[in-house]
């Protein structure tokens, strides 16, 4: 295996390890800190930029590996169709090895690219999930606190209404007392007036 395919294999192994860490059943606090570090760290951002450049070269290697695999497969089919009975064992072995290496390189680069897409998508889905959980926790805390605030506001409103009702009751009592006093005073004045004029009303005579 050449150097660049060896590096591709190492990158594929790193992707598999990272994927296992992301989908591992970690505690919420640990997962939250991990994803915040991965999404906000400038070092990780620079590393991700370098990995993106590496994936461009891996995509080129994938295209080259696919072309070689097609070419080797076509040569193998042509050799089988044009072969005359006994074939050279070394030629067959060489052709099978070339075909195996071409398929291996194709699968290696292809799986590396495919897993990079899966890893990226999984990371952003989990990051959105963490943000959603944080927003849900904030809304839940606000919901827990808001009834207390509403109850306090309702209590204040009820106290204000009770005070207003008490004031109205006091005003009614004062008006009632004044009405009674006015009625008593009217009766007294009417009695005095009738006594002075001598014209006390007699309903039976009327």
N, C-alpha and C. Protein backbone atom coordinates (compact mmCIF):
# COMPACT_ATOMS: atom_id res chain seq x y z
N UNK A 1 0.86 -1.20 0.00
CA UNK A 1 0.00 0.00 0.00
C UNK A 1 0.88 1.23 0.00
N UNK A 2 0.57 2.16 -0.90
CA UNK A 2 1.37 3.37 -1.01
C UNK A 2 1.10 4.31 0.16
N UNK A 3 1.88 5.40 0.21
CA UNK A 3 1.80 6.31 1.35
C UNK A 3 0.43 6.98 1.43
N UNK A 4 -0.08 7.46 0.29
CA UNK A 4 -1.35 8.20 0.34
C UNK A 4 -2.52 7.28 0.67
N UNK A 5 -2.46 6.02 0.25
CA UNK A 5 -3.52 5.11 0.65
C UNK A 5 -3.39 4.71 2.11
N UNK A 6 -2.17 4.68 2.60
CA UNK A 6 -1.98 4.43 4.04
C UNK A 6 -2.54 5.58 4.87
N UNK A 7 -2.29 6.81 4.43
CA UNK A 7 -2.87 7.97 5.12
C UNK A 7 -4.39 7.96 5.02
N UNK A 8 -4.91 7.53 3.87
CA UNK A 8 -6.36 7.43 3.73
C UNK A 8 -6.94 6.42 4.71
N UNK A 9 -6.25 5.28 4.88
CA UNK A 9 -6.71 4.28 5.83
C UNK A 9 -6.66 4.82 7.25
N UNK A 10 -5.62 5.57 7.59
CA UNK A 10 -5.51 6.16 8.93
C UNK A 10 -6.63 7.18 9.16
N UNK A 11 -6.94 7.96 8.14
CA UNK A 11 -8.04 8.92 8.25
C UNK A 11 -9.37 8.20 8.42
N UNK A 12 -9.55 7.09 7.70
CA UNK A 12 -10.78 6.31 7.85
C UNK A 12 -10.91 5.74 9.26
N UNK A 13 -9.81 5.25 9.82
CA UNK A 13 -9.83 4.74 11.19
C UNK A 13 -10.15 5.85 12.19
N UNK A 14 -9.59 7.06 11.95
CA UNK A 14 -9.89 8.20 12.82
C UNK A 14 -11.37 8.59 12.73
N UNK A 15 -11.92 8.53 11.52
CA UNK A 15 -13.34 8.83 11.36
C UNK A 15 -14.20 7.81 12.10
N UNK A 16 -13.84 6.56 12.02
CA UNK A 16 -14.61 5.53 12.73
C UNK A 16 -14.55 5.73 14.23
N UNK A 17 -13.36 6.08 14.76
CA UNK A 17 -13.23 6.33 16.19
C UNK A 17 -14.05 7.55 16.61
N UNK A 18 -14.00 8.60 15.79
CA UNK A 18 -14.77 9.81 16.10
C UNK A 18 -16.26 9.54 16.08
N UNK A 19 -16.70 8.77 15.11
CA UNK A 19 -18.12 8.43 15.02
C UNK A 19 -18.56 7.63 16.24
N UNK A 20 -17.74 6.70 16.68
CA UNK A 20 -18.08 5.92 17.88
C UNK A 20 -18.18 6.82 19.11
N UNK A 21 -17.31 7.83 19.20
CA UNK A 21 -17.37 8.75 20.34
C UNK A 21 -18.63 9.60 20.28
N UNK A 22 -19.01 10.04 19.08
CA UNK A 22 -20.19 10.90 18.95
C UNK A 22 -21.48 10.17 19.30
N UNK A 23 -21.58 8.91 18.89
CA UNK A 23 -22.82 8.16 19.14
C UNK A 23 -22.78 7.38 20.44
N UNK A 24 -21.68 7.48 21.19
CA UNK A 24 -21.59 6.77 22.46
C UNK A 24 -22.58 7.37 23.46
N UNK A 25 -23.14 6.55 24.35
CA UNK A 25 -24.11 7.06 25.35
C UNK A 25 -23.42 7.83 26.47
N UNK A 26 -22.95 9.02 26.15
CA UNK A 26 -22.27 9.86 27.13
C UNK A 26 -23.29 10.63 27.97
N UNK A 27 -22.91 11.04 29.18
CA UNK A 27 -23.81 11.91 29.97
C UNK A 27 -24.05 13.22 29.24
N UNK A 28 -25.18 13.83 29.56
CA UNK A 28 -25.57 15.05 28.84
C UNK A 28 -24.56 16.17 29.05
N UNK A 29 -24.04 16.31 30.25
CA UNK A 29 -23.08 17.39 30.53
C UNK A 29 -21.80 17.17 29.75
N UNK A 30 -21.31 15.92 29.72
CA UNK A 30 -20.08 15.61 28.99
C UNK A 30 -20.28 15.82 27.50
N UNK A 31 -21.41 15.35 26.97
CA UNK A 31 -21.70 15.53 25.55
C UNK A 31 -21.82 17.03 25.20
N UNK A 32 -22.46 17.79 26.09
CA UNK A 32 -22.62 19.22 25.85
C UNK A 32 -21.27 19.92 25.80
N UNK A 33 -20.40 19.65 26.76
CA UNK A 33 -19.07 20.27 26.76
C UNK A 33 -18.25 19.83 25.55
N UNK A 34 -18.36 18.55 25.18
CA UNK A 34 -17.61 18.03 24.04
C UNK A 34 -18.03 18.72 22.75
N UNK A 35 -19.32 18.84 22.53
CA UNK A 35 -19.80 19.44 21.28
C UNK A 35 -19.55 20.94 21.24
N UNK A 36 -19.63 21.59 22.39
CA UNK A 36 -19.30 23.02 22.42
C UNK A 36 -17.81 23.23 22.12
N UNK A 37 -16.98 22.33 22.62
CA UNK A 37 -15.55 22.44 22.32
C UNK A 37 -15.28 22.20 20.84
N UNK A 38 -15.92 21.18 20.28
CA UNK A 38 -15.69 20.87 18.87
C UNK A 38 -16.24 21.95 17.94
N UNK A 39 -17.30 22.61 18.34
CA UNK A 39 -17.92 23.61 17.46
C UNK A 39 -17.37 25.02 17.66
N UNK A 40 -16.72 25.29 18.81
CA UNK A 40 -16.26 26.64 19.10
C UNK A 40 -14.74 26.78 19.19
N UNK A 41 -14.01 25.68 19.26
CA UNK A 41 -12.56 25.76 19.41
C UNK A 41 -11.90 26.20 18.09
N UNK A 42 -11.03 27.21 18.11
CA UNK A 42 -10.33 27.61 16.87
C UNK A 42 -9.35 26.56 16.38
N UNK A 43 -8.80 25.76 17.28
CA UNK A 43 -7.87 24.69 16.87
C UNK A 43 -8.62 23.64 16.05
N UNK A 44 -9.81 23.26 16.53
CA UNK A 44 -10.62 22.29 15.81
C UNK A 44 -11.04 22.86 14.45
N UNK A 45 -11.31 24.16 14.40
CA UNK A 45 -11.70 24.78 13.14
C UNK A 45 -10.56 24.70 12.12
N UNK A 46 -9.34 24.98 12.56
CA UNK A 46 -8.19 24.87 11.66
C UNK A 46 -7.97 23.42 11.23
N UNK A 47 -8.11 22.50 12.16
CA UNK A 47 -7.96 21.09 11.84
C UNK A 47 -9.02 20.63 10.84
N UNK A 48 -10.25 21.09 11.03
CA UNK A 48 -11.32 20.74 10.10
C UNK A 48 -11.06 21.31 8.71
N UNK A 49 -10.47 22.50 8.64
CA UNK A 49 -10.13 23.08 7.34
C UNK A 49 -9.09 22.22 6.62
N UNK A 50 -8.09 21.75 7.37
CA UNK A 50 -7.09 20.87 6.78
C UNK A 50 -7.67 19.54 6.33
N UNK A 51 -8.60 19.02 7.11
CA UNK A 51 -9.24 17.74 6.75
C UNK A 51 -10.07 17.90 5.48
N UNK A 52 -10.73 19.05 5.32
CA UNK A 52 -11.50 19.29 4.11
C UNK A 52 -10.60 19.28 2.87
N UNK A 53 -9.43 19.88 3.00
CA UNK A 53 -8.48 19.85 1.88
C UNK A 53 -8.03 18.41 1.60
N UNK A 54 -7.83 17.64 2.67
CA UNK A 54 -7.43 16.24 2.50
C UNK A 54 -8.53 15.45 1.78
N UNK A 55 -9.77 15.75 2.06
CA UNK A 55 -10.87 15.04 1.40
C UNK A 55 -10.95 15.36 -0.09
N UNK A 56 -10.49 16.54 -0.46
CA UNK A 56 -10.44 16.86 -1.90
C UNK A 56 -9.48 15.91 -2.61
N UNK A 57 -8.31 15.69 -2.01
CA UNK A 57 -7.34 14.75 -2.60
C UNK A 57 -7.86 13.32 -2.57
N UNK A 58 -8.59 12.98 -1.49
CA UNK A 58 -9.16 11.63 -1.41
C UNK A 58 -10.21 11.43 -2.50
N UNK A 59 -10.97 12.49 -2.79
CA UNK A 59 -11.95 12.39 -3.88
C UNK A 59 -11.25 12.16 -5.22
N UNK A 60 -10.12 12.82 -5.42
CA UNK A 60 -9.34 12.60 -6.66
C UNK A 60 -8.83 11.16 -6.71
N UNK A 61 -8.36 10.67 -5.55
CA UNK A 61 -7.90 9.28 -5.50
C UNK A 61 -9.05 8.32 -5.76
N UNK A 62 -10.23 8.64 -5.29
CA UNK A 62 -11.39 7.79 -5.52
C UNK A 62 -11.73 7.70 -7.01
N UNK A 63 -11.70 8.83 -7.70
CA UNK A 63 -11.98 8.83 -9.13
C UNK A 63 -10.92 8.02 -9.88
N UNK A 64 -9.65 8.20 -9.49
CA UNK A 64 -8.57 7.44 -10.13
C UNK A 64 -8.69 5.95 -9.85
N UNK A 65 -9.07 5.60 -8.62
CA UNK A 65 -9.21 4.18 -8.27
C UNK A 65 -10.37 3.54 -9.04
N UNK A 66 -11.45 4.28 -9.23
CA UNK A 66 -12.58 3.74 -9.98
C UNK A 66 -12.18 3.51 -11.43
N UNK A 67 -11.46 4.45 -12.02
CA UNK A 67 -11.01 4.28 -13.41
C UNK A 67 -10.07 3.08 -13.55
N UNK A 68 -9.17 2.92 -12.59
CA UNK A 68 -8.26 1.76 -12.63
C UNK A 68 -9.03 0.45 -12.47
N UNK A 69 -10.01 0.45 -11.58
CA UNK A 69 -10.78 -0.77 -11.38
C UNK A 69 -11.53 -1.15 -12.66
N UNK A 70 -12.14 -0.18 -13.33
CA UNK A 70 -12.82 -0.46 -14.58
C UNK A 70 -11.84 -0.97 -15.64
N UNK A 71 -10.67 -0.34 -15.70
CA UNK A 71 -9.70 -0.74 -16.70
C UNK A 71 -9.17 -2.14 -16.43
N UNK A 72 -8.86 -2.45 -15.19
CA UNK A 72 -8.36 -3.78 -14.85
C UNK A 72 -9.43 -4.84 -15.07
N UNK A 73 -10.68 -4.50 -14.71
CA UNK A 73 -11.79 -5.44 -14.94
C UNK A 73 -11.97 -5.72 -16.42
N UNK A 74 -11.88 -4.67 -17.24
CA UNK A 74 -12.01 -4.86 -18.69
C UNK A 74 -10.87 -5.70 -19.23
N UNK A 75 -9.66 -5.46 -18.76
CA UNK A 75 -8.52 -6.27 -19.20
C UNK A 75 -8.68 -7.72 -18.78
N UNK A 76 -9.18 -7.96 -17.56
CA UNK A 76 -9.38 -9.34 -17.10
C UNK A 76 -10.45 -10.05 -17.93
N UNK A 77 -11.53 -9.35 -18.24
CA UNK A 77 -12.57 -9.96 -19.08
C UNK A 77 -12.06 -10.23 -20.49
N UNK A 78 -11.25 -9.31 -21.01
CA UNK A 78 -10.68 -9.52 -22.34
C UNK A 78 -9.72 -10.70 -22.36
N UNK A 79 -8.94 -10.85 -21.30
CA UNK A 79 -8.00 -11.96 -21.23
C UNK A 79 -8.73 -13.29 -21.12
N UNK A 80 -9.86 -13.32 -20.39
CA UNK A 80 -10.62 -14.56 -20.27
C UNK A 80 -11.29 -14.92 -21.59
N UNK A 81 -11.82 -13.90 -22.26
CA UNK A 81 -12.52 -14.19 -23.52
C UNK A 81 -11.58 -14.58 -24.65
N UNK A 82 -10.36 -14.06 -24.64
CA UNK A 82 -9.40 -14.38 -25.70
C UNK A 82 -8.44 -15.48 -25.31
N UNK A 83 -8.57 -16.07 -24.13
CA UNK A 83 -7.65 -17.10 -23.68
C UNK A 83 -7.90 -18.41 -24.42
N UNK A 84 -6.87 -19.17 -24.60
CA UNK A 84 -6.96 -20.44 -25.33
C UNK A 84 -6.62 -21.59 -24.39
N UNK A 85 -7.62 -22.11 -23.72
CA UNK A 85 -7.42 -23.29 -22.88
C UNK A 85 -6.54 -22.99 -21.68
N UNK A 86 -5.29 -23.42 -21.76
CA UNK A 86 -4.34 -23.26 -20.66
C UNK A 86 -3.81 -21.83 -20.64
N UNK A 87 -3.89 -21.19 -19.48
CA UNK A 87 -3.39 -19.83 -19.30
C UNK A 87 -2.23 -19.84 -18.33
N UNK A 88 -1.44 -18.79 -18.45
CA UNK A 88 -0.28 -18.67 -17.58
C UNK A 88 -0.76 -18.37 -16.16
N UNK A 89 -0.28 -19.18 -15.21
CA UNK A 89 -0.70 -19.00 -13.81
C UNK A 89 -0.21 -17.66 -13.28
N UNK A 90 0.99 -17.27 -13.67
CA UNK A 90 1.52 -15.99 -13.20
C UNK A 90 0.71 -14.83 -13.74
N UNK A 91 0.28 -14.91 -14.97
CA UNK A 91 -0.54 -13.84 -15.56
C UNK A 91 -1.88 -13.74 -14.85
N UNK A 92 -2.47 -14.89 -14.56
CA UNK A 92 -3.74 -14.87 -13.84
C UNK A 92 -3.57 -14.30 -12.43
N UNK A 93 -2.50 -14.71 -11.77
CA UNK A 93 -2.25 -14.21 -10.42
C UNK A 93 -2.01 -12.71 -10.43
N UNK A 94 -1.22 -12.27 -11.42
CA UNK A 94 -0.94 -10.84 -11.54
C UNK A 94 -2.22 -10.04 -11.82
N UNK A 95 -3.05 -10.58 -12.69
CA UNK A 95 -4.30 -9.90 -13.02
C UNK A 95 -5.24 -9.86 -11.81
N UNK A 96 -5.31 -10.97 -11.08
CA UNK A 96 -6.17 -11.02 -9.89
C UNK A 96 -5.67 -10.05 -8.81
N UNK A 97 -4.34 -9.96 -8.67
CA UNK A 97 -3.78 -9.02 -7.69
C UNK A 97 -4.08 -7.58 -8.08
N UNK A 98 -3.92 -7.27 -9.36
CA UNK A 98 -4.23 -5.90 -9.82
C UNK A 98 -5.70 -5.57 -9.59
N UNK A 99 -6.56 -6.54 -9.88
CA UNK A 99 -7.99 -6.32 -9.68
C UNK A 99 -8.32 -6.14 -8.19
N UNK A 100 -7.68 -6.94 -7.35
CA UNK A 100 -7.90 -6.82 -5.91
C UNK A 100 -7.44 -5.47 -5.39
N UNK A 101 -6.25 -5.03 -5.79
CA UNK A 101 -5.73 -3.74 -5.33
C UNK A 101 -6.60 -2.58 -5.83
N UNK A 102 -7.07 -2.68 -7.06
CA UNK A 102 -7.93 -1.62 -7.60
C UNK A 102 -9.25 -1.54 -6.84
N UNK A 103 -9.83 -2.70 -6.55
CA UNK A 103 -11.08 -2.70 -5.78
C UNK A 103 -10.84 -2.23 -4.33
N UNK A 104 -9.71 -2.67 -3.76
CA UNK A 104 -9.40 -2.24 -2.39
C UNK A 104 -9.27 -0.72 -2.32
N UNK A 105 -8.54 -0.12 -3.25
CA UNK A 105 -8.38 1.33 -3.24
C UNK A 105 -9.70 2.06 -3.46
N UNK A 106 -10.54 1.48 -4.32
CA UNK A 106 -11.86 2.09 -4.56
C UNK A 106 -12.71 2.06 -3.30
N UNK A 107 -12.76 0.90 -2.65
CA UNK A 107 -13.57 0.79 -1.44
C UNK A 107 -12.99 1.65 -0.31
N UNK A 108 -11.68 1.71 -0.22
CA UNK A 108 -11.04 2.48 0.85
C UNK A 108 -11.36 3.96 0.72
N UNK A 109 -11.14 4.52 -0.45
CA UNK A 109 -11.42 5.94 -0.65
C UNK A 109 -12.92 6.23 -0.62
N UNK A 110 -13.71 5.31 -1.19
CA UNK A 110 -15.16 5.53 -1.19
C UNK A 110 -15.75 5.53 0.20
N UNK A 111 -15.35 4.56 1.02
CA UNK A 111 -15.86 4.51 2.39
C UNK A 111 -15.37 5.70 3.20
N UNK A 112 -14.16 6.16 2.92
CA UNK A 112 -13.64 7.33 3.64
C UNK A 112 -14.48 8.56 3.33
N UNK A 113 -14.81 8.78 2.06
CA UNK A 113 -15.65 9.91 1.69
C UNK A 113 -17.06 9.77 2.24
N UNK A 114 -17.62 8.56 2.13
CA UNK A 114 -18.99 8.35 2.61
C UNK A 114 -19.08 8.55 4.11
N UNK A 115 -18.11 8.03 4.86
CA UNK A 115 -18.13 8.18 6.31
C UNK A 115 -17.92 9.64 6.72
N UNK A 116 -17.18 10.40 5.91
CA UNK A 116 -17.02 11.83 6.22
C UNK A 116 -18.36 12.55 6.14
N UNK A 117 -19.17 12.22 5.13
CA UNK A 117 -20.50 12.82 5.02
C UNK A 117 -21.40 12.41 6.18
N UNK A 118 -21.37 11.12 6.52
CA UNK A 118 -22.18 10.63 7.64
C UNK A 118 -21.74 11.27 8.95
N UNK A 119 -20.43 11.40 9.14
CA UNK A 119 -19.91 11.98 10.37
C UNK A 119 -20.29 13.45 10.49
N UNK A 120 -20.18 14.19 9.38
CA UNK A 120 -20.55 15.61 9.41
C UNK A 120 -22.02 15.79 9.71
N UNK A 121 -22.85 15.01 9.03
CA UNK A 121 -24.30 15.13 9.24
C UNK A 121 -24.68 14.73 10.66
N UNK A 122 -24.08 13.68 11.18
CA UNK A 122 -24.38 13.23 12.54
C UNK A 122 -23.96 14.29 13.56
N UNK A 123 -22.81 14.90 13.34
CA UNK A 123 -22.33 15.94 14.26
C UNK A 123 -23.31 17.11 14.32
N UNK A 124 -23.77 17.59 13.18
CA UNK A 124 -24.67 18.74 13.18
C UNK A 124 -26.07 18.38 13.71
N UNK A 125 -26.50 17.15 13.48
CA UNK A 125 -27.78 16.72 14.04
C UNK A 125 -27.71 16.68 15.57
N UNK A 126 -26.64 16.12 16.10
CA UNK A 126 -26.49 16.07 17.55
C UNK A 126 -26.30 17.46 18.14
N UNK A 127 -25.59 18.34 17.41
CA UNK A 127 -25.41 19.71 17.89
C UNK A 127 -26.75 20.44 17.94
N UNK A 128 -27.58 20.26 16.92
CA UNK A 128 -28.93 20.85 16.95
C UNK A 128 -29.76 20.26 18.08
N UNK A 129 -29.59 18.97 18.34
CA UNK A 129 -30.31 18.34 19.44
C UNK A 129 -29.92 18.95 20.78
N UNK A 130 -28.62 19.21 20.96
CA UNK A 130 -28.16 19.81 22.22
C UNK A 130 -28.71 21.22 22.37
N UNK A 131 -28.69 22.01 21.29
CA UNK A 131 -29.25 23.36 21.34
C UNK A 131 -30.75 23.32 21.65
N UNK A 132 -31.44 22.35 21.05
CA UNK A 132 -32.87 22.22 21.32
C UNK A 132 -33.13 21.85 22.78
N UNK A 133 -32.31 20.96 23.32
CA UNK A 133 -32.46 20.59 24.73
C UNK A 133 -32.18 21.78 25.65
N UNK A 134 -31.19 22.61 25.29
CA UNK A 134 -30.91 23.80 26.09
C UNK A 134 -32.08 24.78 26.05
N UNK A 135 -32.63 25.00 24.86
CA UNK A 135 -33.79 25.89 24.75
C UNK A 135 -34.99 25.33 25.52
N UNK A 136 -35.17 24.01 25.45
CA UNK A 136 -36.27 23.40 26.18
C UNK A 136 -36.09 23.57 27.69
N UNK A 137 -34.84 23.42 28.16
CA UNK A 137 -34.59 23.60 29.59
C UNK A 137 -34.86 25.05 30.02
N UNK A 138 -34.48 26.02 29.16
CA UNK A 138 -34.75 27.42 29.49
C UNK A 138 -36.25 27.69 29.54
N UNK A 139 -36.97 27.18 28.54
CA UNK A 139 -38.42 27.37 28.53
C UNK A 139 -39.08 26.69 29.72
N UNK A 140 -38.56 25.55 30.10
CA UNK A 140 -39.12 24.84 31.25
C UNK A 140 -38.91 25.63 32.53
N UNK A 141 -37.70 26.21 32.69
CA UNK A 141 -37.43 27.02 33.87
C UNK A 141 -38.32 28.27 33.89
N UNK A 142 -38.48 28.89 32.71
CA UNK A 142 -39.35 30.06 32.65
C UNK A 142 -40.80 29.69 32.96
N UNK A 143 -41.21 28.51 32.50
CA UNK A 143 -42.58 28.07 32.76
C UNK A 143 -42.78 27.78 34.24
N UNK A 144 -41.74 27.23 34.88
CA UNK A 144 -41.84 26.95 36.31
C UNK A 144 -41.89 28.25 37.11
N UNK A 145 -41.13 29.24 36.66
CA UNK A 145 -41.09 30.51 37.38
C UNK A 145 -42.29 31.39 37.09
N UNK A 146 -42.81 31.29 35.88
CA UNK A 146 -43.88 32.20 35.49
C UNK A 146 -45.16 32.05 36.30
N UNK A 147 -45.60 30.83 36.67
CA UNK A 147 -46.81 30.74 37.49
C UNK A 147 -46.69 31.47 38.81
N UNK A 148 -45.51 31.44 39.42
CA UNK A 148 -45.31 32.16 40.68
C UNK A 148 -45.47 33.65 40.45
N UNK A 149 -44.90 34.13 39.37
CA UNK A 149 -45.04 35.54 39.06
C UNK A 149 -46.48 35.90 38.77
N UNK A 150 -47.20 35.03 38.05
CA UNK A 150 -48.60 35.28 37.76
C UNK A 150 -49.44 35.26 39.04
N UNK A 151 -49.13 34.31 39.93
CA UNK A 151 -49.86 34.25 41.19
C UNK A 151 -49.63 35.49 42.03
N UNK A 152 -48.38 35.96 42.05
CA UNK A 152 -48.09 37.18 42.81
C UNK A 152 -48.85 38.37 42.22
N UNK A 153 -48.88 38.43 40.89
CA UNK A 153 -49.61 39.51 40.24
C UNK A 153 -51.11 39.41 40.53
N UNK A 154 -51.65 38.19 40.49
CA UNK A 154 -53.06 38.00 40.80
C UNK A 154 -53.37 38.39 42.24
N UNK A 155 -52.46 38.03 43.14
CA UNK A 155 -52.66 38.39 44.55
C UNK A 155 -52.69 39.90 44.72
N UNK A 156 -51.78 40.58 44.05
CA UNK A 156 -51.75 42.04 44.13
C UNK A 156 -53.03 42.65 43.57
N UNK A 157 -53.50 42.08 42.44
CA UNK A 157 -54.75 42.58 41.86
C UNK A 157 -55.94 42.36 42.80
N UNK A 158 -55.96 41.17 43.42
CA UNK A 158 -57.05 40.89 44.36
C UNK A 158 -57.00 41.80 45.58
N UNK A 159 -55.80 42.08 46.05
CA UNK A 159 -55.67 43.00 47.17
C UNK A 159 -56.15 44.40 46.80
N UNK A 160 -55.79 44.83 45.58
CA UNK A 160 -56.24 46.15 45.13
C UNK A 160 -57.76 46.20 45.01
N UNK A 161 -58.35 45.12 44.45
CA UNK A 161 -59.81 45.09 44.33
C UNK A 161 -60.47 45.05 45.71
N UNK A 162 -59.87 44.30 46.65
CA UNK A 162 -60.42 44.24 48.00
C UNK A 162 -60.35 45.61 48.68
N UNK A 163 -59.25 46.31 48.50
CA UNK A 163 -59.13 47.65 49.08
C UNK A 163 -60.15 48.60 48.48
N UNK A 164 -60.34 48.49 47.15
CA UNK A 164 -61.34 49.35 46.50
C UNK A 164 -62.74 49.03 47.01
N UNK A 165 -63.03 47.73 47.21
CA UNK A 165 -64.34 47.33 47.72
C UNK A 165 -64.55 47.84 49.15
N UNK A 166 -63.48 47.77 49.96
CA UNK A 166 -63.58 48.28 51.33
C UNK A 166 -63.82 49.79 51.34
N UNK A 167 -63.17 50.51 50.44
CA UNK A 167 -63.40 51.95 50.35
C UNK A 167 -64.84 52.25 49.96
N UNK A 168 -65.35 51.46 48.99
CA UNK A 168 -66.74 51.67 48.59
C UNK A 168 -67.68 51.38 49.75
N UNK A 169 -67.37 50.34 50.55
CA UNK A 169 -68.21 50.00 51.70
C UNK A 169 -68.19 51.12 52.73
N UNK A 170 -67.00 51.68 52.96
CA UNK A 170 -66.89 52.80 53.89
C UNK A 170 -67.69 54.00 53.39
N UNK A 171 -67.58 54.29 52.10
CA UNK A 171 -68.35 55.40 51.54
C UNK A 171 -69.85 55.15 51.67
N UNK A 172 -70.28 53.90 51.47
CA UNK A 172 -71.70 53.57 51.60
C UNK A 172 -72.16 53.75 53.04
N UNK A 173 -71.34 53.32 54.00
CA UNK A 173 -71.71 53.49 55.40
C UNK A 173 -71.81 54.97 55.77
N UNK A 174 -70.88 55.75 55.25
CA UNK A 174 -70.92 57.19 55.54
C UNK A 174 -72.18 57.82 54.96
N UNK A 175 -72.47 57.45 53.70
CA UNK A 175 -73.69 57.99 53.09
C UNK A 175 -74.93 57.54 53.84
N UNK A 176 -74.94 56.30 54.32
CA UNK A 176 -76.09 55.79 55.07
C UNK A 176 -76.28 56.56 56.37
N UNK A 177 -75.14 56.81 57.06
CA UNK A 177 -75.23 57.58 58.30
C UNK A 177 -75.72 59.00 58.03
N UNK A 178 -75.18 59.59 56.95
CA UNK A 178 -75.62 60.94 56.61
C UNK A 178 -77.10 60.97 56.26
N UNK A 179 -77.56 59.93 55.54
CA UNK A 179 -78.98 59.87 55.20
C UNK A 179 -79.83 59.74 56.45
N UNK A 180 -79.40 58.91 57.39
CA UNK A 180 -80.15 58.76 58.63
C UNK A 180 -80.18 60.06 59.42
N UNK A 181 -79.02 60.73 59.49
CA UNK A 181 -78.96 62.00 60.20
C UNK A 181 -79.85 63.04 59.54
N UNK A 182 -79.83 63.05 58.20
CA UNK A 182 -80.67 64.00 57.49
C UNK A 182 -82.15 63.70 57.73
N UNK A 183 -82.49 62.39 57.75
CA UNK A 183 -83.89 62.02 58.01
C UNK A 183 -84.31 62.42 59.42
N UNK A 184 -83.44 62.19 60.40
CA UNK A 184 -83.75 62.57 61.77
C UNK A 184 -83.89 64.08 61.90
N UNK A 185 -82.99 64.78 61.25
CA UNK A 185 -83.05 66.23 61.31
C UNK A 185 -84.32 66.75 60.63
N UNK A 186 -84.70 66.11 59.54
CA UNK A 186 -85.94 66.51 58.86
C UNK A 186 -87.14 66.26 59.74
N UNK A 187 -87.19 65.08 60.41
CA UNK A 187 -88.29 64.79 61.31
C UNK A 187 -88.37 65.81 62.45
N UNK A 188 -87.19 66.17 62.99
CA UNK A 188 -87.16 67.13 64.10
C UNK A 188 -87.67 68.49 63.65
N UNK A 189 -87.21 68.93 62.49
CA UNK A 189 -87.65 70.22 61.99
C UNK A 189 -89.14 70.22 61.67
N UNK A 190 -89.60 69.09 61.09
CA UNK A 190 -91.03 69.00 60.77
C UNK A 190 -91.88 69.03 62.03
N UNK A 191 -91.40 68.35 63.09
CA UNK A 191 -92.13 68.33 64.35
C UNK A 191 -92.19 69.72 64.96
N UNK A 192 -91.06 70.41 64.97
CA UNK A 192 -91.02 71.76 65.50
C UNK A 192 -91.93 72.70 64.71
N UNK A 193 -91.90 72.55 63.38
CA UNK A 193 -92.74 73.41 62.55
C UNK A 193 -94.22 73.17 62.81
N UNK A 194 -94.59 71.89 62.96
CA UNK A 194 -95.99 71.56 63.23
C UNK A 194 -96.41 72.06 64.62
N UNK A 195 -95.46 71.98 65.56
CA UNK A 195 -95.79 72.44 66.91
C UNK A 195 -96.01 73.94 66.94
N UNK A 196 -95.24 74.67 66.17
CA UNK A 196 -95.38 76.12 66.16
C UNK A 196 -96.62 76.58 65.40
N UNK A 197 -96.90 75.94 64.33
CA UNK A 197 -98.04 76.34 63.52
C UNK A 197 -99.33 75.73 63.99
N UNK A 198 -99.27 74.65 64.81
CA UNK A 198 -100.45 74.01 65.33
C UNK A 198 -101.21 73.24 64.29
N UNK A 199 -100.55 72.90 63.25
CA UNK A 199 -101.21 72.16 62.16
C UNK A 199 -100.60 70.80 62.00
N UNK A 200 -100.82 70.00 63.02
CA UNK A 200 -100.31 68.64 62.97
C UNK A 200 -101.25 67.82 62.12
N UNK A 201 -100.72 67.09 61.22
CA UNK A 201 -101.53 66.35 60.27
C UNK A 201 -102.22 65.17 60.95
N UNK A 202 -103.51 64.96 60.58
CA UNK A 202 -104.26 63.85 61.09
C UNK A 202 -104.79 63.08 59.90
N UNK A 203 -104.27 61.98 59.67
CA UNK A 203 -104.61 61.21 58.49
C UNK A 203 -106.04 60.71 58.53
N UNK A 204 -106.57 60.40 59.74
CA UNK A 204 -107.92 59.89 59.80
C UNK A 204 -108.95 60.98 59.44
N UNK A 205 -108.63 62.20 59.85
CA UNK A 205 -109.49 63.28 59.48
C UNK A 205 -109.40 63.59 58.00
N UNK A 206 -108.22 63.52 57.49
CA UNK A 206 -108.06 63.75 56.04
C UNK A 206 -108.77 62.67 55.26
